[in-house]
C-alpha cells in the first residue's frame, strides 16, 4: 500500500499529471473544487493513469485542501511514482 502527497490545481483546461511540487505530485483537474467534484475527478484520473479500480484509491486527508494525502492499495510508492511521472 502506498501513501502519497498530491498538490491539486482545480478548474483548469485539462486533467493531467504535471510533475512534482516539492515532495508532492502536482495534478491539474478540470473539475471545480465544489461539492467534492475535484476529489472525485482526482480518484478517477488516478485510477485511469495507474490502471486500477477507483475502489483501491482512498483520500486519507485534505478533503477541502489543495494538499491531499492519498492511499493506494496494491501498489508501492515507487510503482505509483513510476507510472505517474
C-alpha atoms as a PDB file:
ATOM      1  CA  UNK A   1       0.000   0.000   0.000  1.00  0.00           C
ATOM      2  CA  UNK A   2       1.318   3.425  -0.977  1.00  0.00           C
ATOM      3  CA  UNK A   3       0.506   6.738   0.703  1.00  0.00           C
ATOM      4  CA  UNK A   4       1.461   9.782  -1.330  1.00  0.00           C
ATOM      5  CA  UNK A   5       1.029  13.545  -1.206  1.00  0.00           C
ATOM      6  CA  UNK A   6      -0.646  15.345  -4.094  1.00  0.00           C
ATOM      7  CA  UNK A   7      -0.910  19.053  -4.883  1.00  0.00           C
ATOM      8  CA  UNK A   8      -4.135  19.716  -6.808  1.00  0.00           C
ATOM      9  CA  UNK A   9      -4.879  22.649  -9.117  1.00  0.00           C
ATOM     10  CA  UNK A  10      -8.645  22.632  -9.811  1.00  0.00           C
ATOM     11  CA  UNK A  11     -10.588  24.364 -12.594  1.00  0.00           C
ATOM     12  CA  UNK A  12      -8.002  24.010 -15.381  1.00  0.00           C
ATOM     13  CA  UNK A  13      -8.432  23.233 -19.082  1.00  0.00           C
ATOM     14  CA  UNK A  14      -7.428  19.559 -18.874  1.00  0.00           C
ATOM     15  CA  UNK A  15      -6.856  16.695 -16.467  1.00  0.00           C
ATOM     16  CA  UNK A  16      -3.189  15.813 -16.317  1.00  0.00           C
ATOM     17  CA  UNK A  17      -0.251  14.954 -14.108  1.00  0.00           C
ATOM     18  CA  UNK A  18       2.118  17.923 -14.299  1.00  0.00           C
ATOM     19  CA  UNK A  19       5.129  16.678 -12.334  1.00  0.00           C
ATOM     20  CA  UNK A  20       6.447  17.237  -8.854  1.00  0.00           C
ATOM     21  CA  UNK A  21       5.643  20.074  -6.454  1.00  0.00           C
ATOM     22  CA  UNK A  22       8.105  19.779  -3.568  1.00  0.00           C
ATOM     23  CA  UNK A  23       7.593  16.268  -2.217  1.00  0.00           C
ATOM     24  CA  UNK A  24       4.103  16.039  -3.746  1.00  0.00           C
ATOM     25  CA  UNK A  25       2.856  15.059  -7.208  1.00  0.00           C
ATOM     26  CA  UNK A  26       1.148  18.008  -8.932  1.00  0.00           C
ATOM     27  CA  UNK A  27      -2.079  17.321 -10.805  1.00  0.00           C
ATOM     28  CA  UNK A  28      -4.309  19.692 -12.779  1.00  0.00           C
ATOM     29  CA  UNK A  29      -8.031  18.934 -12.882  1.00  0.00           C
ATOM     30  CA  UNK A  30     -10.880  20.354 -14.982  1.00  0.00           C
ATOM     31  CA  UNK A  31     -13.334  19.911 -12.106  1.00  0.00           C
ATOM     32  CA  UNK A  32     -14.091  22.788  -9.774  1.00  0.00           C
ATOM     33  CA  UNK A  33     -13.370  22.428  -6.064  1.00  0.00           C
ATOM     34  CA  UNK A  34     -17.036  22.356  -5.016  1.00  0.00           C
ATOM     35  CA  UNK A  35     -19.138  19.567  -3.536  1.00  0.00           C
ATOM     36  CA  UNK A  36     -16.298  17.032  -3.803  1.00  0.00           C
ATOM     37  CA  UNK A  37     -16.153  17.221  -7.607  1.00  0.00           C
ATOM     38  CA  UNK A  38     -12.371  17.739  -7.691  1.00  0.00           C
ATOM     39  CA  UNK A  39     -11.829  14.847  -5.261  1.00  0.00           C
ATOM     40  CA  UNK A  40     -13.940  12.549  -7.444  1.00  0.00           C
ATOM     41  CA  UNK A  41     -12.093  13.696 -10.576  1.00  0.00           C
ATOM     42  CA  UNK A  42      -8.764  13.063  -8.842  1.00  0.00           C
ATOM     43  CA  UNK A  43      -9.730   9.486  -7.941  1.00  0.00           C
ATOM     44  CA  UNK A  44     -10.948   8.890 -11.488  1.00  0.00           C
ATOM     45  CA  UNK A  45      -7.760  10.281 -13.076  1.00  0.00           C
ATOM     46  CA  UNK A  46      -5.503   8.284 -10.745  1.00  0.00           C
ATOM     47  CA  UNK A  47      -7.445   5.071 -11.426  1.00  0.00           C
ATOM     48  CA  UNK A  48      -7.113   5.641 -15.175  1.00  0.00           C
ATOM     49  CA  UNK A  49      -3.402   6.562 -15.073  1.00  0.00           C
ATOM     50  CA  UNK A  50      -2.491   3.713 -12.697  1.00  0.00           C
ATOM     51  CA  UNK A  51      -4.768   1.198 -14.454  1.00  0.00           C
ATOM     52  CA  UNK A  52      -6.514   0.181 -11.221  1.00  0.00           C
ATOM     53  CA  UNK A  53     -10.081   0.462  -9.911  1.00  0.00           C
ATOM     54  CA  UNK A  54     -11.222   3.589  -8.074  1.00  0.00           C
ATOM     55  CA  UNK A  55     -12.121   1.458  -5.053  1.00  0.00           C
ATOM     56  CA  UNK A  56      -8.378   0.959  -4.412  1.00  0.00           C
ATOM     57  CA  UNK A  57      -7.857   4.727  -4.046  1.00  0.00           C
ATOM     58  CA  UNK A  58      -8.793   6.471  -0.788  1.00  0.00           C
ATOM     59  CA  UNK A  59      -8.472  10.104   0.257  1.00  0.00           C
ATOM     60  CA  UNK A  60      -6.737   9.930   3.659  1.00  0.00           C
ATOM     61  CA  UNK A  61      -6.676  13.685   4.342  1.00  0.00           C
ATOM     62  CA  UNK A  62      -7.128  17.034   2.631  1.00  0.00           C
ATOM     63  CA  UNK A  63     -10.801  16.747   1.671  1.00  0.00           C
ATOM     64  CA  UNK A  64     -11.082  20.554   1.418  1.00  0.00           C
ATOM     65  CA  UNK A  65      -7.461  21.403   0.669  1.00  0.00           C
ATOM     66  CA  UNK A  66      -5.246  21.502  -2.400  1.00  0.00           C
ATOM     67  CA  UNK A  67      -2.739  19.377  -0.480  1.00  0.00           C
ATOM     68  CA  UNK A  68      -4.069  15.819  -0.294  1.00  0.00           C
ATOM     69  CA  UNK A  69      -2.812  12.568   1.163  1.00  0.00           C
ATOM     70  CA  UNK A  70      -3.938   9.607  -0.947  1.00  0.00           C
ATOM     71  CA  UNK A  71      -3.735   5.918  -0.019  1.00  0.00           C
ATOM     72  CA  UNK A  72      -3.460   3.463  -2.912  1.00  0.00           C
ATOM     73  CA  UNK A  73      -3.884  -0.247  -2.192  1.00  0.00           C
ATOM     74  CA  UNK A  74      -1.916  -2.855  -4.094  1.00  0.00           C
ATOM     75  CA  UNK A  75       0.931  -0.632  -5.334  1.00  0.00           C
ATOM     76  CA  UNK A  76       4.145   0.618  -3.740  1.00  0.00           C
ATOM     77  CA  UNK A  77       5.101   4.292  -3.681  1.00  0.00           C
ATOM     78  CA  UNK A  78       7.815   3.601  -6.281  1.00  0.00           C
ATOM     79  CA  UNK A  79       5.315   1.914  -8.618  1.00  0.00           C
ATOM     80  CA  UNK A  80       2.873   4.820  -8.330  1.00  0.00           C
ATOM     81  CA  UNK A  81       5.566   7.461  -8.942  1.00  0.00           C
ATOM     82  CA  UNK A  82       6.931   5.434 -11.855  1.00  0.00           C
ATOM     83  CA  UNK A  83       3.535   5.222 -13.550  1.00  0.00           C
ATOM     84  CA  UNK A  84       2.570   8.856 -12.968  1.00  0.00           C
ATOM     85  CA  UNK A  85       5.847  10.726 -13.507  1.00  0.00           C
END
